[in-house]
Each structure stands twice: as C-alpha cells, then as structure tokens.
C-alpha cells in the first residue's frame, strides 16, 4: 500500500499535476538550499523522486525538505474523501451507519469480543514483560555483580541503566491491573484508572531510553572479548531464558513504553462510550501519549546537542561561553537586518534563536556557507516588542516589518527588520515558542549534565582540527544554481552539521526502528 502511494505521488507530479502537502511540524533550517516552514503551511511538491527529501515551493521560496515532515493534502486522496463522507453520514443518522460499517469493520455486537481480545492481549503482554525484566535483573545483573573482576559498578549502570527501578514499578503496576481484571468477563474490566494513577511513574522510562544508546556501545565493546560472550551466554542458559541475546532483552523497556499508547488506542476503539471504563481509557491514552512524547522529546534534544556543538565549532571567531552551557534546542533561524543603539547602522545578519539565547553571525561575502560570530542576546532578560510600520521613536527612522528586542534593564535596544511581513510574524511566533519551551523545561525538569555538554564539545572539536578550514564545503553549489529543480545531491553534509531540523512533535525514527526490531511481538 505504501509503495503504491509513493508511486502515485511521483506519478501525479510527473504527469504535471499540482500536488500540495501540508506541513505537520516546523522545519527549522540553517541551509540555503532547504525550505523552512511552520506546521500547517501548505507546500507545493515539485519533485518527490527521492523517498526522504522532496523539493518544494512556498510562494517564491524553493528548497529541499524532509518528506516525513509533511502529509499530502486529503483532497488528493480519494479513499480518504470517501471515508470522511461516510463518517459525516454516520453522524446524521442510523441509516448511514450500516454503510460506514463496510469501511470500519465489525459493528456493535462484535465489540464486546474485540474488547475481550484487547484486554487479554494487554494482560498477557504485561505478564510476559515482567518475566523478561525478572530475567534481566536476576539472570544477568545479579550474576554480573558477583564478578567484580569483570565489571565495575559504573559499567553495569551504563549497560542496564535504571532497569531495576523499572522492574520494581512494573510489578506494582501489574498487581493493580490484576485487581481490575475481570477473569469471567474480560470486556467488563476497568483498567484505564491503573494507567492514570501511575502516569508520572512511567516517566522513569525517560532515563532508560536516553541511556540505551550508551548501553549498546558499552555492550558491543565487551562482546568483542570472548570471555564476556561466554559469560553472558552462561547467564542466559542458567536462567533458562529464551534464545535472544542480551541486547535484545535490553531493548524491551524501550519497546514497551511506545507500545502502551497503541494498546490503549485499540482498547478505546472497542470500548463503547457508555462503558464505565470509557472516560478513563480515553484519559489514559492521552496520558501515555504524553509520556511517550516527553521521552521522545528528551531523546531528540539529547541527539541534537552534538549537532549544536558541531554548528558552534564551524563558526569563525567564536567568543564567550559555549551555546550548550545554557541551551539545548534550536527554535528558529533566518536572516534579518539589525540596528543597535547608539550608531543605528543597518547590518544584515543571520540569527539563530535557541532556548535562553539568540546568536547572530555575519556571512562571508564569498563563501556563503561560512559564518563569523558577532554576538548574542540573553532571551531570559529581553522583551520582544512588535513595531508598527512607520516612524520608530527610539531610532528616529522609518521602518517596515520590524520588531524590537529591549533588555529588561533598559540598557540595550535592538531593532530587527524582516524582508516580508510573514517573516516578521514567524519570528514573533518563534520568540513566543522560545518562552514556552523554557517554561516547559522548567516544569518537566529537563537539563543537560556537564558530562553531556563536555562530551558533545569534545566530539565537535575532534571533527574540526585546529588550522583546518571550518566551513563545510558544498561542491554541488554551482550544479544547483544551473538547475531550476536541482537533483538531490549524493551527499548532504550540511544536513549533518547545520540542520537541526528534528520536528517538535514528530514520532522520531527512533520509535519506528524500535517497532521493526521488536523481538517480543505478540
């Protein structure tokens, strides 16, 4: 089905049809050849031959953008129109409900059986999961702790993370589920409240998921030494575990936390609105989606710190503290004209808005991919003021598409002008997003450790040895300029260094890959 859709998209475009896509998430970019947009923007898709990167147009701007950030407009998808028409008809009365049943599957008589199946599936997978956690804690960790000649406590913490905390919590959670499980009539079970009562407890998975890549690295190092291979296999056999390697077992908590929303969505689908459990299941689904979203967001932020460090190391004449000392997310970027008191001289600058601060740089006249550091603003002590077109009193000049940044102490005033009114609006939105992000981090307790910051900067410095040019070369530039719709280059180095374009609300490929790797599918 997915292959057919890919073909139809390409077919539509090659036939000369105008194909539009709607942006699902913001695409923040630092690359001239990429198309920046906000969630909800409509993009004309010009070239979709590459599966991952499409070429598109918004008004007079063109560029590459990740295909995963958009969805094709519904009116280009006939089956979806047909489905929605039936759905609207169903709301109008019982007559249309029979027609809708053809598309949606079993009617109400089957719902009780379907709900029974889903409840049984949840209970069964939960018991299996407890068994896997027990095997890891008692079969591996307990044995490893006996071998102080082979493992340090720090190594064990890296490999197993906080899985023992997860095991303790999940045993308590299963007990609560068992109390609410109706063995005689499973469809009458009311388990939604269990998820709601423990929704904050599930956040312990955040630590585990963030640590999981480090666990894989540490484990792969040990598995190069035969004595560790034999030791782990002996642990598995002694505990009578299924024939899956330790790294497979360590993947189960990551899989589990992203499976809960799927199971609850299925349960809600087969729960009648009149059922006593309906409201709790609905609330539980939203709660577990939020847990998965929070974990996913933290993972994305941690993955991005390496990119931010690499970006900083590519900037010439950097001054002051590292970006990572206060920030961990690029929120928006773009070009603006800047005027500062007292000289009020207009300067064209590239601005990069991170949480807590905004950095601005000057472009090299000849090498547009090279940037020179010029300064930064502390967003925690700045107020953003929307400036009307016309005479600006502080600078005594006429302005258009302007906004002002003024320090709360009143000793700094910066006037920023965009080329177009819509660009100004995007910047105003971005400044609001930055404040929301900072508050959200405070509420959820998100912060980087000193070790994470230092490691990211160390890795970035290694990739930019002293004395070598820092800017990323782009040999395909001339080739791009000669074409109306450039073909996708074979390598996109700028994506790795400059583009911090992970979406704010996207289910990352991390979860997608986990789904494909699941060794314990029921």
Protein backbone atom coordinates (compact mmCIF):
# COMPACT_ATOMS: atom_id res chain seq x y z
CA UNK A 1 0.00 0.00 0.00
CA UNK A 2 2.82 2.42 0.98
CA UNK A 3 4.71 1.59 -2.23
CA UNK A 4 1.59 2.30 -4.29
CA UNK A 5 1.18 5.65 -2.60
CA UNK A 6 4.84 6.57 -3.27
CA UNK A 7 4.33 5.67 -6.92
CA UNK A 8 1.11 7.67 -7.16
CA UNK A 9 2.78 10.77 -5.72
CA UNK A 10 5.64 10.58 -8.21
CA UNK A 11 3.17 9.75 -10.99
CA UNK A 12 0.99 12.77 -10.16
CA UNK A 13 3.98 15.12 -10.23
CA UNK A 14 5.47 13.64 -13.42
CA UNK A 15 2.05 13.94 -15.10
CA UNK A 16 2.19 17.67 -14.46
CA UNK A 17 -0.48 17.65 -11.75
CA UNK A 18 -0.07 20.21 -8.97
CA UNK A 19 0.49 18.29 -5.74
CA UNK A 20 0.20 20.01 -2.37
CA UNK A 21 1.38 18.82 1.03
CA UNK A 22 0.57 20.14 4.49
CA UNK A 23 3.42 20.64 6.99
CA UNK A 24 2.95 18.53 10.12
CA UNK A 25 5.85 20.10 12.03
CA UNK A 26 8.12 23.14 11.91
CA UNK A 27 11.18 22.73 9.70
CA UNK A 28 13.96 24.92 11.07
CA UNK A 29 16.97 25.11 8.76
CA UNK A 30 20.42 26.65 8.57
CA UNK A 31 20.97 25.67 4.95
CA UNK A 32 20.26 27.97 1.96
CA UNK A 33 19.13 25.00 -0.15
CA UNK A 34 16.44 23.90 2.30
CA UNK A 35 12.86 25.10 2.57
CA UNK A 36 11.90 26.35 6.02
CA UNK A 37 8.26 26.25 7.09
CA UNK A 38 5.89 26.16 10.05
CA UNK A 39 3.38 23.45 10.97
CA UNK A 40 0.21 23.99 8.93
CA UNK A 41 1.94 25.63 5.94
CA UNK A 42 0.90 24.36 2.50
CA UNK A 43 3.81 23.36 0.24
CA UNK A 44 3.68 22.72 -3.49
CA UNK A 45 5.63 19.49 -4.08
CA UNK A 46 7.75 19.87 -7.22
CA UNK A 47 9.96 16.78 -7.03
CA UNK A 48 9.24 13.65 -4.96
CA UNK A 49 11.51 11.15 -6.71
CA UNK A 50 13.69 10.79 -3.62
CA UNK A 51 11.95 8.93 -0.78
CA UNK A 52 13.37 11.02 2.08
CA UNK A 53 13.94 14.53 0.65
CA UNK A 54 11.47 16.36 -1.58
CA UNK A 55 11.86 19.63 -3.45
CA UNK A 56 9.02 22.10 -2.83
CA UNK A 57 7.81 25.65 -3.15
CA UNK A 58 6.09 28.14 -0.83
CA UNK A 59 5.27 31.37 -2.67
CA UNK A 60 8.63 32.50 -4.11
CA UNK A 61 10.81 30.24 -1.92
CA UNK A 62 12.03 26.82 -3.08
CA UNK A 63 14.19 24.15 -1.46
CA UNK A 64 14.64 20.67 -0.04
CA UNK A 65 12.56 19.47 2.90
CA UNK A 66 12.18 16.09 4.69
CA UNK A 67 9.23 14.13 3.27
CA UNK A 68 8.43 12.84 6.77
CA UNK A 69 7.58 16.39 7.89
CA UNK A 70 4.52 16.66 5.64
CA UNK A 71 1.42 14.79 4.55
CA UNK A 72 -0.29 15.02 1.17
CA UNK A 73 -3.49 17.03 1.25
CA UNK A 74 -6.57 14.86 1.85
CA UNK A 75 -8.31 16.09 -1.34
CA UNK A 76 -5.62 14.30 -3.35
CA UNK A 77 -6.52 11.00 -1.71
CA UNK A 78 -9.91 9.70 -2.95
CA UNK A 79 -10.33 6.82 -0.46
CA UNK A 80 -9.90 9.28 2.41
CA UNK A 81 -12.62 11.53 0.95
CA UNK A 82 -14.91 8.52 0.67
CA UNK A 83 -14.21 7.55 4.29
CA UNK A 84 -14.89 11.08 5.58
CA UNK A 85 -18.12 11.28 3.60
CA UNK A 86 -19.31 8.06 5.27
CA UNK A 87 -18.23 9.38 8.65
CA UNK A 88 -20.26 12.57 8.20
CA UNK A 89 -23.23 10.49 7.06
CA UNK A 90 -22.95 8.32 10.14
CA UNK A 91 -23.31 11.33 12.39
CA UNK A 92 -26.51 12.31 10.54
CA UNK A 93 -28.38 9.10 11.42
CA UNK A 94 -28.67 5.35 11.74
CA UNK A 95 -29.32 4.81 8.04
CA UNK A 96 -25.77 5.74 7.06
CA UNK A 97 -24.25 3.74 9.93
CA UNK A 98 -24.67 0.48 8.01
CA UNK A 99 -22.69 1.90 5.06
CA UNK A 100 -19.96 3.06 7.41
CA UNK A 101 -19.73 -0.46 8.82
CA UNK A 102 -18.48 -1.68 5.46
CA UNK A 103 -15.44 0.54 5.88
CA UNK A 104 -14.91 0.40 9.62
CA UNK A 105 -15.31 -3.32 10.15
CA UNK A 106 -17.40 -5.11 12.83
CA UNK A 107 -20.47 -3.44 14.33
CA UNK A 108 -21.51 -3.22 17.98
CA UNK A 109 -22.27 -6.95 18.57
CA UNK A 110 -18.60 -7.78 17.87
CA UNK A 111 -17.26 -5.00 20.07
CA UNK A 112 -17.51 -6.97 23.31
CA UNK A 113 -15.49 -9.84 21.83
CA UNK A 114 -12.94 -7.41 20.36
CA UNK A 115 -12.60 -5.64 23.72
CA UNK A 116 -12.08 -9.01 25.40
CA UNK A 117 -9.28 -9.79 22.94
CA UNK A 118 -7.55 -6.43 23.56
CA UNK A 119 -7.82 -6.73 27.36
CA UNK A 120 -6.40 -10.28 27.23
CA UNK A 121 -3.58 -9.05 24.99
CA UNK A 122 -2.70 -6.25 27.46
CA UNK A 123 -2.68 -8.63 30.43
CA UNK A 124 -0.72 -11.32 28.57
CA UNK A 125 2.00 -8.94 27.28
CA UNK A 126 2.28 -7.37 30.75
CA UNK A 127 2.95 -10.76 32.37
CA UNK A 128 5.47 -11.66 29.66
CA UNK A 129 7.20 -8.31 30.15
CA UNK A 130 7.55 -8.86 33.91
CA UNK A 131 9.16 -12.23 33.16
CA UNK A 132 11.71 -10.55 30.82
CA UNK A 133 12.52 -7.88 33.42
CA UNK A 134 12.96 -10.54 36.10
CA UNK A 135 15.30 -12.50 33.81
CA UNK A 136 17.44 -9.40 33.19
CA UNK A 137 17.63 -8.42 36.89
CA UNK A 138 18.11 -11.90 38.33
CA UNK A 139 19.71 -13.69 35.39
CA UNK A 140 22.20 -11.02 34.30
CA UNK A 141 22.63 -8.18 36.83
CA UNK A 142 22.82 -10.44 39.91
CA UNK A 143 25.46 -12.65 38.24
CA UNK A 144 27.44 -9.65 36.93
CA UNK A 145 27.66 -8.12 40.42
CA UNK A 146 29.34 -11.32 41.65
CA UNK A 147 32.13 -10.83 39.08
CA UNK A 148 33.87 -7.68 40.31
CA UNK A 149 36.93 -8.84 38.33
CA UNK A 150 34.92 -8.40 35.10
CA UNK A 151 32.53 -5.49 35.77
CA UNK A 152 32.70 -2.17 37.58
CA UNK A 153 29.51 -0.74 39.09
CA UNK A 154 29.75 2.11 36.58
CA UNK A 155 29.83 -0.33 33.66
CA UNK A 156 26.74 -2.13 34.99
CA UNK A 157 24.93 1.20 35.41
CA UNK A 158 25.71 2.07 31.79
CA UNK A 159 24.65 -1.33 30.40
CA UNK A 160 21.48 -1.84 32.47
CA UNK A 161 20.51 1.77 33.24
CA UNK A 162 17.67 2.02 35.78
CA UNK A 163 16.05 -1.26 34.70
CA UNK A 164 15.83 -2.46 38.34
CA UNK A 165 13.68 0.60 39.18
CA UNK A 166 11.51 -0.20 36.15
CA UNK A 167 11.15 -3.83 37.31
CA UNK A 168 10.01 -2.73 40.81
CA UNK A 169 7.49 -0.28 39.34
CA UNK A 170 6.11 -2.72 36.73
CA UNK A 171 5.47 -5.42 39.38
CA UNK A 172 3.35 -2.93 41.33
CA UNK A 173 1.60 -1.83 38.12
CA UNK A 174 0.77 -5.45 37.16
CA UNK A 175 -0.69 -6.10 40.64
CA UNK A 176 -3.04 -3.12 40.16
CA UNK A 177 -4.02 -4.38 36.68
CA UNK A 178 -4.77 -7.86 38.05
CA UNK A 179 -7.12 -6.33 40.67
CA UNK A 180 -9.10 -4.60 37.93
CA UNK A 181 -9.07 -7.56 35.52
CA UNK A 182 -12.42 -9.41 35.31
CA UNK A 183 -11.44 -13.04 34.56
CA UNK A 184 -15.01 -14.25 33.87
CA UNK A 185 -15.96 -11.32 31.62
CA UNK A 186 -12.76 -9.56 30.49
CA UNK A 187 -14.69 -6.98 28.42
CA UNK A 188 -16.12 -5.56 31.69
CA UNK A 189 -12.61 -4.92 33.08
CA UNK A 190 -11.92 -1.31 34.05
CA UNK A 191 -8.15 -0.88 33.68
CA UNK A 192 -7.97 2.75 32.46
CA UNK A 193 -7.61 4.06 36.02
CA UNK A 194 -4.40 2.00 36.54
CA UNK A 195 -2.62 3.93 33.80
CA UNK A 196 -3.91 7.25 35.15
CA UNK A 197 -2.77 6.52 38.71
CA UNK A 198 0.75 5.68 37.53
CA UNK A 199 1.20 8.17 34.68
CA UNK A 200 4.00 10.09 36.47
CA UNK A 201 5.74 6.81 37.45
CA UNK A 202 6.11 5.92 33.76
CA UNK A 203 8.47 8.87 33.33
CA UNK A 204 11.31 6.75 34.77
CA UNK A 205 11.49 5.29 31.25
CA UNK A 206 12.93 8.59 30.04
CA UNK A 207 16.24 7.88 31.81
CA UNK A 208 16.34 4.34 30.43
CA UNK A 209 15.60 5.36 26.82
CA UNK A 210 18.16 8.17 26.88
CA UNK A 211 20.80 5.81 28.24
CA UNK A 212 20.01 2.96 25.83
CA UNK A 213 22.40 4.08 23.02
CA UNK A 214 25.27 4.23 25.59
CA UNK A 215 24.30 0.75 26.78
CA UNK A 216 24.58 -0.58 23.21
CA UNK A 217 28.04 0.98 22.76
CA UNK A 218 29.34 -0.38 26.08
CA UNK A 219 27.90 -3.84 25.42
CA UNK A 220 29.32 -4.05 21.88
CA UNK A 221 32.81 -3.27 23.27
CA UNK A 222 32.55 -6.11 25.80
CA UNK A 223 31.18 -8.56 23.23
CA UNK A 224 34.43 -8.27 21.27
CA UNK A 225 36.10 -10.17 24.12
CA UNK A 226 35.31 -13.90 24.20
CA UNK A 227 35.11 -14.26 27.97
CA UNK A 228 32.20 -11.77 28.08
CA UNK A 229 30.41 -13.56 25.22
CA UNK A 230 30.68 -16.88 27.10
CA UNK A 231 29.72 -15.27 30.44
CA UNK A 232 26.51 -13.66 29.10
CA UNK A 233 25.53 -16.88 27.32
CA UNK A 234 26.09 -18.83 30.56
CA UNK A 235 23.81 -16.33 32.39
CA UNK A 236 21.09 -16.87 29.78
CA UNK A 237 21.26 -20.66 29.99
CA UNK A 238 21.37 -20.68 33.81
CA UNK A 239 18.22 -18.54 33.95
CA UNK A 240 16.55 -20.70 31.24
CA UNK A 241 15.81 -17.62 29.10
CA UNK A 242 14.60 -17.69 25.50
CA UNK A 243 17.29 -17.68 22.82
CA UNK A 244 17.76 -13.93 22.43
CA UNK A 245 20.98 -12.03 23.05
CA UNK A 246 21.33 -9.57 25.94
CA UNK A 247 21.00 -6.53 23.65
CA UNK A 248 17.61 -7.92 22.54
CA UNK A 249 16.46 -8.17 26.16
CA UNK A 250 17.67 -4.63 26.89
CA UNK A 251 15.52 -3.33 24.06
CA UNK A 252 12.25 -4.50 25.67
CA UNK A 253 11.66 -1.49 28.00
CA UNK A 254 12.13 0.88 25.05
CA UNK A 255 9.62 -1.12 23.00
CA UNK A 256 7.19 -1.37 25.91
CA UNK A 257 6.77 2.33 26.61
CA UNK A 258 5.93 3.08 22.98
CA UNK A 259 3.55 0.13 22.78
CA UNK A 260 1.22 1.34 25.57
CA UNK A 261 -0.40 4.15 23.50
CA UNK A 262 -1.01 1.66 20.66
CA UNK A 263 -2.69 -0.83 23.00
CA UNK A 264 -4.82 1.86 24.66
CA UNK A 265 -5.87 3.28 21.28
CA UNK A 266 -7.01 -0.21 20.30
CA UNK A 267 -8.84 -0.62 23.60
CA UNK A 268 -10.63 2.72 23.20
CA UNK A 269 -11.68 1.74 19.68
CA UNK A 270 -13.63 -1.25 21.06
CA UNK A 271 -14.96 0.43 24.21
CA UNK A 272 -18.50 1.80 23.95
CA UNK A 273 -18.88 5.41 25.13
CA UNK A 274 -21.45 4.09 27.64
CA UNK A 275 -18.89 1.68 29.17
CA UNK A 276 -17.80 2.65 32.71
CA UNK A 277 -14.16 2.44 31.59
CA UNK A 278 -14.53 4.67 28.52
CA UNK A 279 -13.55 8.04 30.04
CA UNK A 280 -10.62 6.54 31.96
CA UNK A 281 -9.29 4.73 28.87
CA UNK A 282 -9.62 7.93 26.84
CA UNK A 283 -7.72 9.89 29.51
CA UNK A 284 -5.14 7.07 29.88
CA UNK A 285 -4.47 7.11 26.13
CA UNK A 286 -3.75 10.85 26.25
CA UNK A 287 -1.60 10.42 29.37
CA UNK A 288 0.54 7.66 27.83
CA UNK A 289 0.87 9.61 24.58
CA UNK A 290 2.21 12.49 26.66
CA UNK A 291 4.67 10.19 28.44
CA UNK A 292 5.93 8.84 25.09
CA UNK A 293 6.06 12.40 23.69
CA UNK A 294 8.10 13.63 26.67
CA UNK A 295 10.56 10.73 26.36
CA UNK A 296 10.77 11.24 22.61
CA UNK A 297 11.35 14.99 23.03
CA UNK A 298 14.12 14.43 25.56
CA UNK A 299 15.77 11.92 23.27
CA UNK A 300 15.57 14.34 20.35
CA UNK A 301 17.10 17.10 22.46
CA UNK A 302 19.98 14.87 23.55
CA UNK A 303 20.61 13.79 19.96
CA UNK A 304 20.65 17.44 18.88
CA UNK A 305 23.34 18.60 21.29
CA UNK A 306 26.04 17.02 19.12
CA UNK A 307 24.70 18.92 16.10
CA UNK A 308 24.63 22.19 18.06
CA UNK A 309 28.23 21.62 19.20
CA UNK A 310 29.31 20.91 15.61
CA UNK A 311 27.49 24.02 14.42
CA UNK A 312 29.28 26.16 17.01
CA UNK A 313 32.69 24.71 16.12
CA UNK A 314 32.10 25.66 12.45
CA UNK A 315 31.58 29.37 13.37
CA UNK A 316 34.66 31.58 12.95
CA UNK A 317 35.81 33.99 15.71
CA UNK A 318 33.58 32.44 18.40
CA UNK A 319 33.63 34.35 21.71
CA UNK A 320 32.30 33.67 25.19
CA UNK A 321 30.71 30.56 26.64
CA UNK A 322 29.52 27.58 24.60
CA UNK A 323 25.93 27.57 23.34
CA UNK A 324 25.39 24.31 25.26
CA UNK A 325 26.23 25.96 28.57
CA UNK A 326 22.68 27.37 28.56
CA UNK A 327 20.83 25.97 25.55
CA UNK A 328 19.91 22.62 24.01
CA UNK A 329 17.42 23.40 21.24
CA UNK A 330 17.43 25.48 18.07
CA UNK A 331 13.97 27.01 17.78
CA UNK A 332 14.22 29.23 14.69
CA UNK A 333 16.76 30.79 12.34
CA UNK A 334 16.86 33.27 9.50
CA UNK A 335 18.26 36.48 8.08
CA UNK A 336 17.28 39.90 9.47
CA UNK A 337 18.54 43.49 9.25
CA UNK A 338 19.80 44.62 12.66
CA UNK A 339 20.11 48.13 14.07
CA UNK A 340 21.54 48.78 17.52
CA UNK A 341 21.97 51.97 19.51
CA UNK A 342 23.84 54.29 19.54
CA UNK A 343 25.16 54.05 15.95
CA UNK A 344 21.87 52.80 14.39
CA UNK A 345 23.75 51.40 11.41
CA UNK A 346 21.87 48.68 9.47
CA UNK A 347 23.65 45.32 9.30
CA UNK A 348 22.50 42.13 7.57
CA UNK A 349 22.92 39.20 9.98
CA UNK A 350 22.00 35.52 10.35
CA UNK A 351 20.10 34.94 13.61
CA UNK A 352 19.87 31.62 15.47
CA UNK A 353 17.25 31.51 18.23
CA UNK A 354 18.00 28.86 20.86
CA UNK A 355 16.27 28.37 24.20
CA UNK A 356 17.55 31.10 26.57
CA UNK A 357 19.66 32.94 23.97
CA UNK A 358 19.92 34.21 20.41
CA UNK A 359 23.23 34.15 18.49
CA UNK A 360 23.84 36.34 15.44
CA UNK A 361 26.54 35.95 12.80
CA UNK A 362 27.83 37.64 9.66
CA UNK A 363 28.02 35.74 6.37
CA UNK A 364 31.29 35.60 4.44
CA UNK A 365 30.93 37.64 1.22
CA UNK A 366 32.49 34.95 -0.98
CA UNK A 367 31.74 31.74 0.93
CA UNK A 368 28.11 31.92 1.94
CA UNK A 369 28.43 28.73 4.00
CA UNK A 370 30.97 30.40 6.32
CA UNK A 371 29.73 32.41 9.31
CA UNK A 372 31.51 34.80 11.68
CA UNK A 373 30.33 35.21 15.26
CA UNK A 374 29.13 38.75 16.02
CA UNK A 375 27.24 38.49 19.28
CA UNK A 376 24.35 37.10 21.29
CA UNK A 377 21.34 38.21 23.30
CA UNK A 378 20.12 36.81 26.61
CA UNK A 379 16.45 35.99 25.95
CA UNK A 380 15.77 35.47 29.68
CA UNK A 381 16.27 39.24 30.15
CA UNK A 382 14.76 40.54 26.90
CA UNK A 383 11.26 41.66 25.99
CA UNK A 384 10.02 41.38 22.41
CA UNK A 385 8.03 44.35 21.06
CA UNK A 386 6.01 44.34 17.85
CA UNK A 387 6.77 47.58 15.95
CA UNK A 388 4.20 49.18 13.64
CA UNK A 389 5.29 50.23 10.14
CA UNK A 390 6.29 53.90 10.02
CA UNK A 391 8.41 56.14 12.22
CA UNK A 392 10.22 54.36 15.06
CA UNK A 393 10.74 56.71 18.01
CA UNK A 394 13.83 55.13 19.68
CA UNK A 395 15.84 55.14 16.44
CA UNK A 396 14.05 58.03 14.77
CA UNK A 397 13.81 56.26 11.40
CA UNK A 398 11.04 54.85 9.20
CA UNK A 399 10.74 51.06 9.43
CA UNK A 400 8.81 48.22 7.82
CA UNK A 401 8.28 44.63 9.12
CA UNK A 402 10.17 45.49 12.29
CA UNK A 403 10.29 44.18 15.84
CA UNK A 404 12.31 45.32 18.81
CA UNK A 405 14.28 43.47 21.46
CA UNK A 406 14.77 45.52 24.62
CA UNK A 407 16.61 44.36 27.73
CA UNK A 408 14.52 44.41 30.90
CA UNK A 409 17.15 46.68 32.48
CA UNK A 410 16.61 49.09 29.55
CA UNK A 411 20.31 49.38 28.67
CA UNK A 412 20.03 47.54 25.31
CA UNK A 413 17.67 48.07 22.40
CA UNK A 414 17.92 46.15 19.10
CA UNK A 415 15.73 46.85 16.09
CA UNK A 416 15.28 43.87 13.76
CA UNK A 417 13.68 44.16 10.31
CA UNK A 418 12.42 41.29 8.15
CA UNK A 419 12.06 41.45 4.36
CA UNK A 420 8.40 40.43 4.39
CA UNK A 421 5.50 40.75 6.87
CA UNK A 422 5.03 36.95 7.05
CA UNK A 423 8.70 36.53 8.05
CA UNK A 424 8.21 39.02 10.85
CA UNK A 425 5.15 37.07 12.06
CA UNK A 426 7.16 33.86 12.09
CA UNK A 427 9.83 35.49 14.21
CA UNK A 428 7.23 36.81 16.67
CA UNK A 429 5.81 33.27 16.88
CA UNK A 430 9.30 31.83 17.39
CA UNK A 431 10.04 34.20 20.28
CA UNK A 432 6.78 33.09 21.92
CA UNK A 433 7.73 29.41 21.32
CA UNK A 434 11.12 30.01 22.97
CA UNK A 435 9.48 31.24 26.18
CA UNK A 436 7.05 28.28 26.14
CA UNK A 437 9.99 25.88 25.65
CA UNK A 438 11.92 27.38 28.59
CA UNK A 439 8.86 27.11 30.85
CA UNK A 440 8.18 23.53 29.69
CA UNK A 441 11.78 22.54 30.52
CA UNK A 442 11.38 24.03 33.99
CA UNK A 443 8.09 22.17 34.52
CA UNK A 444 9.47 18.80 33.36
CA UNK A 445 12.92 19.25 34.94
CA UNK A 446 14.83 18.86 31.68
CA UNK A 447 18.50 19.88 31.72
CA UNK A 448 21.81 18.72 30.28
CA UNK A 449 24.50 17.28 32.53
CA UNK A 450 28.01 18.78 32.49
CA UNK A 451 29.30 15.44 31.18
CA UNK A 452 26.91 15.56 28.20
CA UNK A 453 27.91 19.13 27.35
CA UNK A 454 31.65 18.43 27.59
CA UNK A 455 31.40 15.23 25.56
CA UNK A 456 29.46 16.99 22.76
CA UNK A 457 32.03 19.82 22.55
CA UNK A 458 34.91 17.32 22.66
CA UNK A 459 33.41 15.34 19.75
CA UNK A 460 32.88 18.56 17.76
CA UNK A 461 36.45 19.76 18.33
CA UNK A 462 37.75 16.39 17.10
CA UNK A 463 35.84 16.82 13.84
CA UNK A 464 37.30 20.34 13.33
CA UNK A 465 41.09 20.07 13.98
CA UNK A 466 42.95 23.36 14.54
CA UNK A 467 44.36 25.01 11.43
CA UNK A 468 41.85 23.46 9.02
CA UNK A 469 39.04 25.45 7.37
CA UNK A 470 35.89 25.10 9.44
CA UNK A 471 33.21 25.71 6.86
CA UNK A 472 31.58 22.72 5.22
CA UNK A 473 32.34 22.74 1.52
CA UNK A 474 29.48 22.18 -0.89
CA UNK A 475 30.83 21.14 -4.30
CA UNK A 476 27.32 20.82 -5.70
CA UNK A 477 26.58 24.57 -5.33
CA UNK A 478 27.33 25.51 -8.95
CA UNK A 479 25.40 22.47 -10.12
CA UNK A 480 22.39 23.56 -8.07
CA UNK A 481 22.48 27.08 -9.45
CA UNK A 482 22.37 25.81 -13.03
CA UNK A 483 19.14 23.92 -12.47
CA UNK A 484 15.57 25.00 -11.90
CA UNK A 485 14.81 21.95 -9.77
CA UNK A 486 18.15 20.52 -8.71
CA UNK A 487 18.53 16.79 -8.34
CA UNK A 488 19.20 15.58 -4.83
CA UNK A 489 22.98 15.57 -4.21
CA UNK A 490 24.53 12.21 -3.42
CA UNK A 491 25.78 13.58 -0.11
CA UNK A 492 24.24 16.28 2.04
CA UNK A 493 26.97 17.18 4.56
CA UNK A 494 25.14 20.33 5.62
CA UNK A 495 22.27 18.27 6.95
CA UNK A 496 24.57 16.69 9.49
CA UNK A 497 26.26 19.89 10.62
CA UNK A 498 23.89 22.77 10.13
CA UNK A 499 20.37 21.37 10.01
CA UNK A 500 18.79 20.96 13.42
CA UNK A 501 15.51 20.08 11.80
CA UNK A 502 14.10 17.39 14.06
CA UNK A 503 10.39 18.12 14.48
CA UNK A 504 8.97 19.29 17.79
CA UNK A 505 6.07 16.85 17.80
CA UNK A 506 7.22 14.10 15.47
CA UNK A 507 7.36 10.42 16.38
CA UNK A 508 11.04 10.05 15.63
CA UNK A 509 12.60 7.29 13.52
CA UNK A 510 13.86 6.02 16.89
CA UNK A 511 10.38 4.65 17.68
CA UNK A 512 9.87 3.47 14.09
CA UNK A 513 13.10 1.47 14.20
CA UNK A 514 12.23 0.04 17.60
CA UNK A 515 8.95 -1.21 16.12
CA UNK A 516 10.78 -3.01 13.34
CA UNK A 517 13.31 -4.57 15.72
CA UNK A 518 10.79 -5.90 18.23
CA UNK A 519 11.88 -9.43 19.23
CA UNK A 520 8.94 -9.95 21.61
CA UNK A 521 5.95 -9.20 19.39
CA UNK A 522 2.81 -10.96 20.49
